[in-house]
Amino acid sequence: MPAEVIAGLALFPDATCIDGTLGGAGHAEAMLTATAPTGKLLGLDLDPSAVERAAERLAPYAGRIDLVQASFARLAEVAAAHGLKAGSVHAILLDLGLSSYQLAEAGRGFSFRNEGPLDMRMDPAAPLTAGEIVNEWSQEDIANITYQFGEEIHSRRIARAIVEARPLNTTGELAEVVARALGGHRAGQRIHPATRTFQALRIAVNDELKALAETLPQMVDLLAPGGRFAVITFHSLEDRIVKQFIQHETRDCICPPELPVCQCGHHAILRAVTRKPIQPTEAEIASNARSRSAKLRVAERLETTIKKGDY
């Protein structure tokens, strides 16, 4: 949804931007185009291969970009290292989930459609792999993450099947075990039976939900008054975190309703630009089937806020 992202961020010439998930650098390039001639962009990605691809694609914008291999959970730290202070950034984007490049690289182990090792690390130097979870974690722990991160109602059945089939070494082996535990992959099924299990493993390996929750407040702190952030999510767990954060920070009081007088001292620091998430058009879905589950939410930093202690 590049057009929707650019419109939602309300970019203007010379704006300072952050793309926390470079991926294929399509959004980063659109942001640089919209902020020409002198707008700056700081780009991050946990995947070093993504940073390399972005550097090639964005070479024409040399002098306006800084690209860093880092998790967006370190956003404030990385921004400060590149001279971006709190309240100085005009637009921040997070486009969550996997890139087409990552799915296509069998050696990364993200997809059950391409036979590969049980890896799933966005940062190849990270210590935890999907193989370690599948082959070493307890049945209970596997069931728990499959239920929590994959929203898989048959998580215990799947975990039992995984433990009984150990050792599992490839994405194909794991997908087959999960499919068999759920009665096989029947013709006409919209998604493969292993989809939710693979999602859960990827989220656990990369600690994705914790990273997102930790990053949202950092984004707000970095934004200048009137600056905006946009987040594209691909499943309900991510979207719920973003939605609840925006709801929380657009309210002046978060006290329980039974209290007659506000005691929390909380004041709104955001305005929701999108009351409901923007979803891809039929045309975009037709050209990119992976976009069908995408949801875009945008929020704006308020011009003035009252901080705790100022009331």
C-alpha atoms as a PDB file:
ATOM      1  CA  MET A   1       0.000   0.000   0.000  1.00  0.00           C
ATOM      2  CA  PRO A   2       2.679   2.558  -0.914  1.00  0.00           C
ATOM      3  CA  ALA A   3       0.224   5.251  -2.037  1.00  0.00           C
ATOM      4  CA  GLU A   4      -1.841   4.905   1.130  1.00  0.00           C
ATOM      5  CA  VAL A   5       1.303   5.019   3.284  1.00  0.00           C
ATOM      6  CA  ILE A   6       2.626   8.186   1.647  1.00  0.00           C
ATOM      7  CA  ALA A   7      -0.770   9.883   1.897  1.00  0.00           C
ATOM      8  CA  GLY A   8      -1.226   8.777   5.506  1.00  0.00           C
ATOM      9  CA  LEU A   9       2.165  10.091   6.573  1.00  0.00           C
ATOM     10  CA  ALA A  10       1.399  13.499   5.008  1.00  0.00           C
ATOM     11  CA  LEU A  11       4.961  13.848   3.758  1.00  0.00           C
ATOM     12  CA  PHE A  12       6.334  17.131   2.503  1.00  0.00           C
ATOM     13  CA  PRO A  13       9.603  18.354   0.952  1.00  0.00           C
ATOM     14  CA  ASP A  14      12.588  18.286   3.292  1.00  0.00           C
ATOM     15  CA  ALA A  15      10.880  16.121   5.954  1.00  0.00           C
ATOM     16  CA  THR A  16      12.928  13.786   8.149  1.00  0.00           C
ATOM     17  CA  CYS A  17      11.702  10.172   8.020  1.00  0.00           C
ATOM     18  CA  ILE A  18      12.434   6.769   9.496  1.00  0.00           C
ATOM     19  CA  ASP A  19      11.668   3.445   7.849  1.00  0.00           C
ATOM     20  CA  GLY A  20      12.038   0.845  10.570  1.00  0.00           C
ATOM     21  CA  THR A  21      11.564  -2.105   8.218  1.00  0.00           C
ATOM     22  CA  LEU A  22      13.448  -1.521   4.979  1.00  0.00           C
ATOM     23  CA  GLY A  23      12.581  -4.846   3.337  1.00  0.00           C
ATOM     24  CA  GLY A  24      12.793  -4.315  -0.422  1.00  0.00           C
ATOM     25  CA  ALA A  25      13.098  -0.523   0.117  1.00  0.00           C
ATOM     26  CA  GLY A  26       9.989   0.247  -1.924  1.00  0.00           C
ATOM     27  CA  HIS A  27       8.435   2.326   0.831  1.00  0.00           C
ATOM     28  CA  ALA A  28      11.770   3.975   1.617  1.00  0.00           C
ATOM     29  CA  GLU A  29      12.169   5.056  -1.993  1.00  0.00           C
ATOM     30  CA  ALA A  30       8.612   6.428  -2.067  1.00  0.00           C
ATOM     31  CA  MET A  31       9.320   8.390   1.127  1.00  0.00           C
ATOM     32  CA  LEU A  32      12.521   9.836  -0.318  1.00  0.00           C
ATOM     33  CA  THR A  33      10.702  10.841  -3.491  1.00  0.00           C
ATOM     34  CA  ALA A  34       7.943  12.537  -1.508  1.00  0.00           C
ATOM     35  CA  THR A  35      10.429  14.468   0.644  1.00  0.00           C
ATOM     36  CA  ALA A  36      12.715  15.648  -2.172  1.00  0.00           C
ATOM     37  CA  PRO A  37      14.878  17.547  -2.649  1.00  0.00           C
ATOM     38  CA  THR A  38      16.592  17.408   0.741  1.00  0.00           C
ATOM     39  CA  GLY A  39      14.470  15.187   2.953  1.00  0.00           C
ATOM     40  CA  LYS A  40      16.435  12.695   5.049  1.00  0.00           C
ATOM     41  CA  LEU A  41      15.674   9.042   5.745  1.00  0.00           C
ATOM     42  CA  LEU A  42      17.036   6.725   8.406  1.00  0.00           C
ATOM     43  CA  GLY A  43      16.393   3.102   7.450  1.00  0.00           C
ATOM     44  CA  LEU A  44      16.626   0.040   9.698  1.00  0.00           C
ATOM     45  CA  ASP A  45      16.223  -3.654   9.155  1.00  0.00           C
ATOM     46  CA  LEU A  46      17.102  -6.625  11.316  1.00  0.00           C
ATOM     47  CA  ASP A  47      18.040  -8.597   8.193  1.00  0.00           C
ATOM     48  CA  PRO A  48      21.504  -7.634   6.858  1.00  0.00           C
ATOM     49  CA  SER A  49      20.530  -8.852   3.376  1.00  0.00           C
ATOM     50  CA  ALA A  50      17.663  -6.352   3.342  1.00  0.00           C
ATOM     51  CA  VAL A  51      20.049  -3.532   4.234  1.00  0.00           C
ATOM     52  CA  GLU A  52      22.348  -4.555   1.372  1.00  0.00           C
ATOM     53  CA  ARG A  53      19.463  -4.618  -1.121  1.00  0.00           C
ATOM     54  CA  ALA A  54      18.208  -1.272   0.147  1.00  0.00           C
ATOM     55  CA  ALA A  55      21.664   0.274  -0.266  1.00  0.00           C
ATOM     56  CA  GLU A  56      21.695  -0.782  -3.921  1.00  0.00           C
ATOM     57  CA  ARG A  57      18.175   0.433  -4.652  1.00  0.00           C
ATOM     58  CA  LEU A  58      18.613   3.723  -2.801  1.00  0.00           C
ATOM     59  CA  ALA A  59      22.072   4.518  -4.189  1.00  0.00           C
ATOM     60  CA  PRO A  60      20.667   7.472  -6.220  1.00  0.00           C
ATOM     61  CA  TYR A  61      19.666   9.097  -2.899  1.00  0.00           C
ATOM     62  CA  ALA A  62      23.163   8.990  -1.396  1.00  0.00           C
ATOM     63  CA  GLY A  63      23.633  11.885   0.966  1.00  0.00           C
ATOM     64  CA  ARG A  64      20.014  11.743   2.085  1.00  0.00           C
ATOM     65  CA  ILE A  65      20.027   8.280   3.656  1.00  0.00           C
ATOM     66  CA  ASP A  66      21.522   6.381   6.570  1.00  0.00           C
ATOM     67  CA  LEU A  67      20.958   2.618   6.585  1.00  0.00           C
ATOM     68  CA  VAL A  68      21.519   0.471   9.665  1.00  0.00           C
ATOM     69  CA  GLN A  69      21.257  -3.238  10.383  1.00  0.00           C
ATOM     70  CA  ALA A  70      19.316  -3.184  13.647  1.00  0.00           C
ATOM     71  CA  SER A  71      15.996  -4.109  15.196  1.00  0.00           C
ATOM     72  CA  PHE A  72      13.399  -1.355  15.280  1.00  0.00           C
ATOM     73  CA  ALA A  73      13.185  -2.115  19.010  1.00  0.00           C
ATOM     74  CA  ARG A  74      16.431  -0.091  19.202  1.00  0.00           C
ATOM     75  CA  LEU A  75      14.855   2.818  17.333  1.00  0.00           C
ATOM     76  CA  ALA A  76      15.596   5.561  19.866  1.00  0.00           C
ATOM     77  CA  GLU A  77      19.211   4.420  20.303  1.00  0.00           C
ATOM     78  CA  VAL A  78      19.872   4.217  16.550  1.00  0.00           C
ATOM     79  CA  ALA A  79      18.133   7.533  15.875  1.00  0.00           C
ATOM     80  CA  ALA A  80      20.212   9.294  18.543  1.00  0.00           C
ATOM     81  CA  ALA A  81      23.404   7.836  17.069  1.00  0.00           C
ATOM     82  CA  HIS A  82      22.462   9.480  13.766  1.00  0.00           C
ATOM     83  CA  GLY A  83      21.668  12.870  15.221  1.00  0.00           C
ATOM     84  CA  LEU A  84      17.889  12.529  15.476  1.00  0.00           C
ATOM     85  CA  LYS A  85      16.660  13.890  18.779  1.00  0.00           C
ATOM     86  CA  ALA A  86      13.292  13.379  20.438  1.00  0.00           C
ATOM     87  CA  GLY A  87      10.675  15.520  18.742  1.00  0.00           C
ATOM     88  CA  SER A  88      12.659  15.945  15.512  1.00  0.00           C
ATOM     89  CA  VAL A  89      11.205  13.322  13.151  1.00  0.00           C
ATOM     90  CA  HIS A  90       8.262  13.998  10.837  1.00  0.00           C
ATOM     91  CA  ALA A  91       7.286  10.469   9.756  1.00  0.00           C
ATOM     92  CA  ILE A  92       7.978   6.896  10.878  1.00  0.00           C
ATOM     93  CA  LEU A  93       6.933   3.676   9.146  1.00  0.00           C
ATOM     94  CA  LEU A  94       6.843   0.057  10.259  1.00  0.00           C
ATOM     95  CA  ASP A  95       5.845  -2.526   7.645  1.00  0.00           C
ATOM     96  CA  LEU A  96       5.720  -5.719   9.669  1.00  0.00           C
ATOM     97  CA  GLY A  97       5.910  -9.329   8.578  1.00  0.00           C
ATOM     98  CA  LEU A  98       8.120 -11.001   6.003  1.00  0.00           C
ATOM     99  CA  SER A  99       9.383  -9.673   2.702  1.00  0.00           C
ATOM    100  CA  SER A 100       9.033 -11.578  -0.545  1.00  0.00           C
ATOM    101  CA  TYR A 101      12.813 -11.994  -0.572  1.00  0.00           C
ATOM    102  CA  GLN A 102      12.808 -13.730   2.792  1.00  0.00           C
ATOM    103  CA  LEU A 103      10.018 -16.089   1.786  1.00  0.00           C
ATOM    104  CA  ALA A 104      11.754 -16.938  -1.476  1.00  0.00           C
ATOM    105  CA  GLU A 105      15.100 -17.799   0.148  1.00  0.00           C
ATOM    106  CA  ALA A 106      14.755 -21.470   1.074  1.00  0.00           C
ATOM    107  CA  GLY A 107      17.835 -21.321   3.266  1.00  0.00           C
ATOM    108  CA  ARG A 108      16.135 -18.898   5.652  1.00  0.00           C
ATOM    109  CA  GLY A 109      13.465 -21.468   6.552  1.00  0.00           C
ATOM    110  CA  PHE A 110      10.529 -19.052   6.652  1.00  0.00           C
ATOM    111  CA  SER A 111       8.270 -20.889   4.210  1.00  0.00           C
ATOM    112  CA  PHE A 112       7.011 -24.442   4.093  1.00  0.00           C
ATOM    113  CA  ARG A 113       6.653 -24.049   0.321  1.00  0.00           C
ATOM    114  CA  ASN A 114      10.440 -24.077  -0.090  1.00  0.00           C
ATOM    115  CA  GLU A 115      12.358 -26.928   1.504  1.00  0.00           C
ATOM    116  CA  GLY A 116      14.948 -25.495   3.856  1.00  0.00           C
ATOM    117  CA  PRO A 117      16.429 -25.668   7.355  1.00  0.00           C
ATOM    118  CA  LEU A 118      14.330 -24.808  10.407  1.00  0.00           C
ATOM    119  CA  ASP A 119      15.884 -21.402  10.912  1.00  0.00           C
ATOM    120  CA  MET A 120      13.426 -18.441  10.674  1.00  0.00           C
ATOM    121  CA  ARG A 121      15.851 -15.858  12.063  1.00  0.00           C
ATOM    122  CA  MET A 122      15.518 -12.376  10.599  1.00  0.00           C
ATOM    123  CA  ASP A 123      18.968 -11.689  12.010  1.00  0.00           C
ATOM    124  CA  PRO A 124      21.157 -14.657  10.995  1.00  0.00           C
ATOM    125  CA  ALA A 125      23.408 -13.940  13.982  1.00  0.00           C
ATOM    126  CA  ALA A 126      20.618 -14.336  16.540  1.00  0.00           C
ATOM    127  CA  PRO A 127      21.000 -17.340  18.861  1.00  0.00           C
ATOM    128  CA  LEU A 128      17.530 -18.927  18.750  1.00  0.00           C
ATOM    129  CA  THR A 129      16.291 -20.906  15.727  1.00  0.00           C
ATOM    130  CA  ALA A 130      13.021 -22.623  14.922  1.00  0.00           C
ATOM    131  CA  GLY A 131      14.923 -25.906  14.941  1.00  0.00           C
ATOM    132  CA  GLU A 132      15.874 -25.409  18.571  1.00  0.00           C
ATOM    133  CA  ILE A 133      12.260 -24.768  19.542  1.00  0.00           C
ATOM    134  CA  VAL A 134      10.924 -27.721  17.565  1.00  0.00           C
ATOM    135  CA  ASN A 135      13.549 -30.194  18.722  1.00  0.00           C
ATOM    136  CA  GLU A 136      14.451 -29.062  22.242  1.00  0.00           C
ATOM    137  CA  TRP A 137      11.547 -27.214  23.817  1.00  0.00           C
ATOM    138  CA  SER A 138       9.002 -29.065  25.917  1.00  0.00           C
ATOM    139  CA  GLN A 139       5.691 -30.155  24.442  1.00  0.00           C
ATOM    140  CA  GLU A 140       3.893 -27.717  26.723  1.00  0.00           C
ATOM    141  CA  ASP A 141       6.037 -24.757  25.634  1.00  0.00           C
ATOM    142  CA  ILE A 142       5.556 -25.585  21.953  1.00  0.00           C
ATOM    143  CA  ALA A 143       1.807 -25.830  22.497  1.00  0.00           C
ATOM    144  CA  ASN A 144       1.773 -22.521  24.339  1.00  0.00           C
ATOM    145  CA  ILE A 145       3.552 -20.485  21.663  1.00  0.00           C
ATOM    146  CA  THR A 146       1.549 -22.152  18.895  1.00  0.00           C
ATOM    147  CA  TYR A 147      -1.655 -21.143  20.640  1.00  0.00           C
ATOM    148  CA  GLN A 148      -0.502 -17.692  21.738  1.00  0.00           C
ATOM    149  CA  PHE A 149       1.387 -16.552  18.631  1.00  0.00           C
ATOM    150  CA  GLY A 150      -0.343 -18.637  15.986  1.00  0.00           C
ATOM    151  CA  GLU A 151      -3.858 -18.536  17.439  1.00  0.00           C
ATOM    152  CA  GLU A 152      -3.986 -22.239  16.615  1.00  0.00           C
ATOM    153  CA  ILE A 153      -6.838 -23.965  18.473  1.00  0.00           C
ATOM    154  CA  HIS A 154      -5.284 -27.399  17.890  1.00  0.00           C
ATOM    155  CA  SER A 155      -1.955 -26.375  19.403  1.00  0.00           C
ATOM    156  CA  ARG A 156      -1.714 -29.283  21.852  1.00  0.00           C
ATOM    157  CA  ARG A 157      -2.358 -31.849  19.160  1.00  0.00           C
ATOM    158  CA  ILE A 158       0.295 -30.241  16.973  1.00  0.00           C
ATOM    159  CA  ALA A 159       2.836 -30.021  19.803  1.00  0.00           C
ATOM    160  CA  ARG A 160       2.361 -33.682  20.635  1.00  0.00           C
ATOM    161  CA  ALA A 161       2.861 -34.673  16.994  1.00  0.00           C
ATOM    162  CA  ILE A 162       6.022 -32.556  16.762  1.00  0.00           C
ATOM    163  CA  VAL A 163       7.566 -34.090  19.876  1.00  0.00           C
ATOM    164  CA  GLU A 164       6.728 -37.620  18.718  1.00  0.00           C
ATOM    165  CA  ALA A 165       8.319 -36.957  15.300  1.00  0.00           C
ATOM    166  CA  ARG A 166      11.610 -35.569  16.599  1.00  0.00           C
ATOM    167  CA  PRO A 167      14.174 -34.880  15.281  1.00  0.00           C
ATOM    168  CA  LEU A 168      12.813 -32.595  12.551  1.00  0.00           C
ATOM    169  CA  ASN A 169      15.367 -30.899  10.332  1.00  0.00           C
ATOM    170  CA  THR A 170      13.556 -29.185   7.473  1.00  0.00           C
ATOM    171  CA  THR A 171      10.552 -26.975   6.807  1.00  0.00           C
ATOM    172  CA  GLY A 172       9.039 -29.708   4.678  1.00  0.00           C
ATOM    173  CA  GLU A 173       9.282 -32.280   7.459  1.00  0.00           C
ATOM    174  CA  LEU A 174       7.663 -29.924   9.953  1.00  0.00           C
ATOM    175  CA  ALA A 175       4.870 -28.917   7.566  1.00  0.00           C
ATOM    176  CA  GLU A 176       4.098 -32.570   6.883  1.00  0.00           C
ATOM    177  CA  VAL A 177       3.945 -33.429  10.599  1.00  0.00           C
ATOM    178  CA  VAL A 178       1.603 -30.511  11.328  1.00  0.00           C
ATOM    179  CA  ALA A 179      -0.617 -31.246   8.335  1.00  0.00           C
ATOM    180  CA  ARG A 180      -0.877 -34.891   9.327  1.00  0.00           C
ATOM    181  CA  ALA A 181      -1.782 -33.939  12.896  1.00  0.00           C
ATOM    182  CA  LEU A 182      -4.639 -31.828  11.539  1.00  0.00           C
ATOM    183  CA  GLY A 183      -5.958 -34.416   9.118  1.00  0.00           C
ATOM    184  CA  GLY A 184      -3.920 -33.548   6.050  1.00  0.00           C
ATOM    185  CA  HIS A 185      -3.955 -30.742   3.503  1.00  0.00           C
ATOM    186  CA  ARG A 186      -7.220 -31.008   1.614  1.00  0.00           C
ATOM    187  CA  ALA A 187      -7.826 -29.558  -1.829  1.00  0.00           C
ATOM    188  CA  GLY A 188      -9.630 -26.245  -1.664  1.00  0.00           C
ATOM    189  CA  GLN A 189      -8.241 -25.235   1.732  1.00  0.00           C
ATOM    190  CA  ARG A 190      -7.510 -21.499   1.698  1.00  0.00           C
ATOM    191  CA  ILE A 191      -4.426 -21.807   3.868  1.00  0.00           C
ATOM    192  CA  HIS A 192      -2.037 -24.677   4.510  1.00  0.00           C
ATOM    193  CA  PRO A 193      -2.591 -26.442   7.885  1.00  0.00           C
ATOM    194  CA  ALA A 194       0.938 -25.489   8.970  1.00  0.00           C
ATOM    195  CA  THR A 195       0.519 -21.743   8.348  1.00  0.00           C
ATOM    196  CA  ARG A 196      -0.321 -20.802  11.931  1.00  0.00           C
ATOM    197  CA  THR A 197       2.405 -23.012  13.384  1.00  0.00           C
ATOM    198  CA  PHE A 198       5.038 -21.451  11.131  1.00  0.00           C
ATOM    199  CA  GLN A 199       3.779 -17.989  12.072  1.00  0.00           C
ATOM    200  CA  ALA A 200       4.039 -18.826  15.771  1.00  0.00           C
ATOM    201  CA  LEU A 201       7.577 -20.164  15.430  1.00  0.00           C
ATOM    202  CA  ARG A 202       8.729 -17.108  13.465  1.00  0.00           C
ATOM    203  CA  ILE A 203       7.245 -14.721  16.027  1.00  0.00           C
ATOM    204  CA  ALA A 204       8.866 -16.642  18.897  1.00  0.00           C
ATOM    205  CA  VAL A 205      12.272 -16.850  17.208  1.00  0.00           C
ATOM    206  CA  ASN A 206      12.361 -13.106  16.502  1.00  0.00           C
ATOM    207  CA  ASP A 207      10.444 -11.951  19.603  1.00  0.00           C
ATOM    208  CA  GLU A 208       8.331  -9.855  17.253  1.00  0.00           C
ATOM    209  CA  LEU A 209       5.420  -8.863  19.467  1.00  0.00           C
ATOM    210  CA  LYS A 210       7.649  -7.674  22.308  1.00  0.00           C
ATOM    211  CA  ALA A 211       9.728  -5.668  19.839  1.00  0.00           C
ATOM    212  CA  LEU A 212       6.605  -3.994  18.441  1.00  0.00           C
ATOM    213  CA  ALA A 213       5.238  -3.118  21.886  1.00  0.00           C
ATOM    214  CA  GLU A 214       8.597  -1.642  22.919  1.00  0.00           C
ATOM    215  CA  THR A 215       8.943   0.381  19.712  1.00  0.00           C
ATOM    216  CA  LEU A 216       5.618   2.224  19.629  1.00  0.00           C
ATOM    217  CA  PRO A 217       6.414   4.545  22.578  1.00  0.00           C
ATOM    218  CA  GLN A 218       9.847   5.257  21.074  1.00  0.00           C
ATOM    219  CA  MET A 219       8.185   6.296  17.827  1.00  0.00           C
ATOM    220  CA  VAL A 220       5.944   8.773  19.633  1.00  0.00           C
ATOM    221  CA  ASP A 221       8.893  10.278  21.518  1.00  0.00           C
ATOM    222  CA  LEU A 222      10.819  10.789  18.270  1.00  0.00           C
ATOM    223  CA  LEU A 223       7.942  12.452  16.418  1.00  0.00           C
ATOM    224  CA  ALA A 224       7.773  16.219  16.110  1.00  0.00           C
ATOM    225  CA  PRO A 225       4.428  17.865  16.893  1.00  0.00           C
ATOM    226  CA  GLY A 226       2.193  17.099  13.920  1.00  0.00           C
ATOM    227  CA  GLY A 227       4.456  14.212  12.881  1.00  0.00           C
ATOM    228  CA  ARG A 228       2.878  10.883  12.029  1.00  0.00           C
ATOM    229  CA  PHE A 229       3.633   7.181  12.302  1.00  0.00           C
ATOM    230  CA  ALA A 230       2.181   4.424  10.160  1.00  0.00           C
ATOM    231  CA  VAL A 231       2.185   0.707  10.918  1.00  0.00           C
ATOM    232  CA  ILE A 232       1.244  -2.053   8.479  1.00  0.00           C
ATOM    233  CA  THR A 233       0.348  -5.324  10.203  1.00  0.00           C
ATOM    234  CA  PHE A 234      -0.401  -8.743   8.763  1.00  0.00           C
ATOM    235  CA  HIS A 235      -2.131 -10.605  11.558  1.00  0.00           C
ATOM    236  CA  SER A 236      -4.496  -9.858  14.399  1.00  0.00           C
ATOM    237  CA  LEU A 237      -1.928 -10.007  17.205  1.00  0.00           C
ATOM    238  CA  GLU A 238       0.157  -7.202  15.717  1.00  0.00           C
ATOM    239  CA  ASP A 239      -2.881  -5.144  14.787  1.00  0.00           C
ATOM    240  CA  ARG A 240      -4.301  -5.486  18.299  1.00  0.00           C
ATOM    241  CA  ILE A 241      -1.092  -4.132  19.853  1.00  0.00           C
ATOM    242  CA  VAL A 242      -1.068  -1.110  17.524  1.00  0.00           C
ATOM    243  CA  LYS A 243      -4.798  -0.472  17.904  1.00  0.00           C
ATOM    244  CA  GLN A 244      -4.714  -0.614  21.701  1.00  0.00           C
ATOM    245  CA  PHE A 245      -1.630   1.598  21.896  1.00  0.00           C
ATOM    246  CA  ILE A 246      -3.268   4.277  19.742  1.00  0.00           C
ATOM    247  CA  GLN A 247      -6.487   4.043  21.749  1.00  0.00           C
ATOM    248  CA  HIS A 248      -4.554   4.414  25.003  1.00  0.00           C
ATOM    249  CA  GLU A 249      -2.555   7.431  23.829  1.00  0.00           C
ATOM    250  CA  THR A 250      -5.519   9.273  22.318  1.00  0.00           C
ATOM    251  CA  ARG A 251      -7.335   9.420  25.671  1.00  0.00           C
ATOM    252  CA  ASP A 252      -6.971  12.117  28.314  1.00  0.00           C
ATOM    253  CA  CYS A 253      -7.904   9.806  31.160  1.00  0.00           C
ATOM    254  CA  ILE A 254      -7.365   6.083  31.534  1.00  0.00           C
ATOM    255  CA  CYS A 255      -8.814   5.714  35.032  1.00  0.00           C
ATOM    256  CA  PRO A 256     -11.380   2.954  35.685  1.00  0.00           C
ATOM    257  CA  PRO A 257     -14.875   4.285  34.872  1.00  0.00           C
ATOM    258  CA  GLU A 258     -16.047   3.838  38.472  1.00  0.00           C
ATOM    259  CA  LEU A 259     -13.685   6.589  39.707  1.00  0.00           C
ATOM    260  CA  PRO A 260     -15.597   9.897  39.943  1.00  0.00           C
ATOM    261  CA  VAL A 261     -12.480  12.063  39.471  1.00  0.00           C
ATOM    262  CA  CYS A 262      -9.414  11.441  37.291  1.00  0.00           C
ATOM    263  CA  GLN A 263      -6.428  10.275  39.316  1.00  0.00           C
ATOM    264  CA  CYS A 264      -4.142   8.972  36.587  1.00  0.00           C
ATOM    265  CA  GLY A 265      -2.901  12.304  35.224  1.00  0.00           C
ATOM    266  CA  HIS A 266      -2.703  10.809  31.748  1.00  0.00           C
ATOM    267  CA  HIS A 267      -3.081  13.149  28.789  1.00  0.00           C
ATOM    268  CA  ALA A 268      -3.526  12.341  25.116  1.00  0.00           C
ATOM    269  CA  ILE A 269      -0.393  12.621  22.989  1.00  0.00           C
ATOM    270  CA  LEU A 270      -1.821  11.174  19.760  1.00  0.00           C
ATOM    271  CA  ARG A 271      -4.663  11.707  17.331  1.00  0.00           C
ATOM    272  CA  ALA A 272      -5.876   8.690  15.372  1.00  0.00           C
ATOM    273  CA  VAL A 273      -5.694   9.527  11.669  1.00  0.00           C
ATOM    274  CA  THR A 274      -7.306   6.230  10.684  1.00  0.00           C
ATOM    275  CA  ARG A 275     -10.349   5.397  12.813  1.00  0.00           C
ATOM    276  CA  LYS A 276     -10.449   2.022  11.100  1.00  0.00           C
ATOM    277  CA  PRO A 277      -7.472   0.323   9.454  1.00  0.00           C
ATOM    278  CA  ILE A 278      -6.924   0.902   5.745  1.00  0.00           C
ATOM    279  CA  GLN A 279      -6.891  -2.333   3.772  1.00  0.00           C
ATOM    280  CA  PRO A 280      -5.536  -3.043   0.292  1.00  0.00           C
ATOM    281  CA  THR A 281      -7.695  -2.561  -2.768  1.00  0.00           C
ATOM    282  CA  GLU A 282      -8.892  -5.487  -4.857  1.00  0.00           C
ATOM    283  CA  ALA A 283      -6.427  -4.427  -7.540  1.00  0.00           C
ATOM    284  CA  GLU A 284      -3.491  -4.615  -5.134  1.00  0.00           C
ATOM    285  CA  ILE A 285      -4.587  -7.994  -3.813  1.00  0.00           C
ATOM    286  CA  ALA A 286      -4.843  -9.262  -7.394  1.00  0.00           C
ATOM    287  CA  SER A 287      -1.255  -8.162  -8.078  1.00  0.00           C
ATOM    288  CA  ASN A 288       0.085  -9.213  -4.668  1.00  0.00           C
ATOM    289  CA  ALA A 289      -1.880 -11.947  -2.910  1.00  0.00           C
ATOM    290  CA  ARG A 290       0.228 -11.574   0.262  1.00  0.00           C
ATOM    291  CA  SER A 291      -1.241  -8.112   0.803  1.00  0.00           C
ATOM    292  CA  ARG A 292      -4.755  -9.444   1.435  1.00  0.00           C
ATOM    293  CA  SER A 293      -4.296  -9.505   5.210  1.00  0.00           C
ATOM    294  CA  ALA A 294      -2.518  -6.143   5.490  1.00  0.00           C
ATOM    295  CA  LYS A 295      -3.934  -3.422   7.740  1.00  0.00           C
ATOM    296  CA  LEU A 296      -2.582   0.112   7.881  1.00  0.00           C
ATOM    297  CA  ARG A 297      -3.053   2.340  10.932  1.00  0.00           C
ATOM    298  CA  VAL A 298      -1.816   5.929  11.163  1.00  0.00           C
ATOM    299  CA  ALA A 299      -1.579   8.264  14.153  1.00  0.00           C
ATOM    300  CA  GLU A 300      -0.390  11.849  14.572  1.00  0.00           C
ATOM    301  CA  ARG A 301       1.576  13.412  17.426  1.00  0.00           C
ATOM    302  CA  LEU A 302      -0.457  16.211  18.960  1.00  0.00           C
ATOM    303  CA  GLU A 303       0.823  19.760  18.668  1.00  0.00           C
ATOM    304  CA  THR A 304       0.724  20.323  22.411  1.00  0.00           C
ATOM    305  CA  THR A 305       0.611  17.894  25.285  1.00  0.00           C
ATOM    306  CA  ILE A 306       0.520  18.192  29.057  1.00  0.00           C
ATOM    307  CA  LYS A 307       3.019  15.936  30.740  1.00  0.00           C
ATOM    308  CA  LYS A 308       2.604  14.340  34.141  1.00  0.00           C
ATOM    309  CA  GLY A 309       3.550  16.836  36.801  1.00  0.00           C
ATOM    310  CA  ASP A 310       2.253  19.789  34.751  1.00  0.00           C
ATOM    311  CA  TYR A 311      -1.292  19.653  36.109  1.00  0.00           C
END
